[in-house]
């Protein structure tokens, strides 16, 4: 007989729902920044996320950024450009 055991522990903290801070559909032409972290395929992954969001918010203006190196922080110039967006999506990990 085979017995499957679920290795996941019970959750020890209360789950807090995340609420999006901007209603993209309420903006005439919302600007969303997409920041790739420099890990392999992070640019491609965020392009897929961008395209999916663009399908939901057709009037969205997307701006793509790529750190190019996961071990560095975002430059001040890049951060200033991202700061001008209504929302930002950042990829991390790999």
Foldseek 3Di string as FASTA:
>chain_A
DDDDDDPDDDDPDDDDDDDDPDDLQVDQEFEEEEEFQQDPCSQVVVVVVVVVVCVVRVSYHYDYHYPNHNVDDDDPVVVVVNVPGPYYHYDDDD
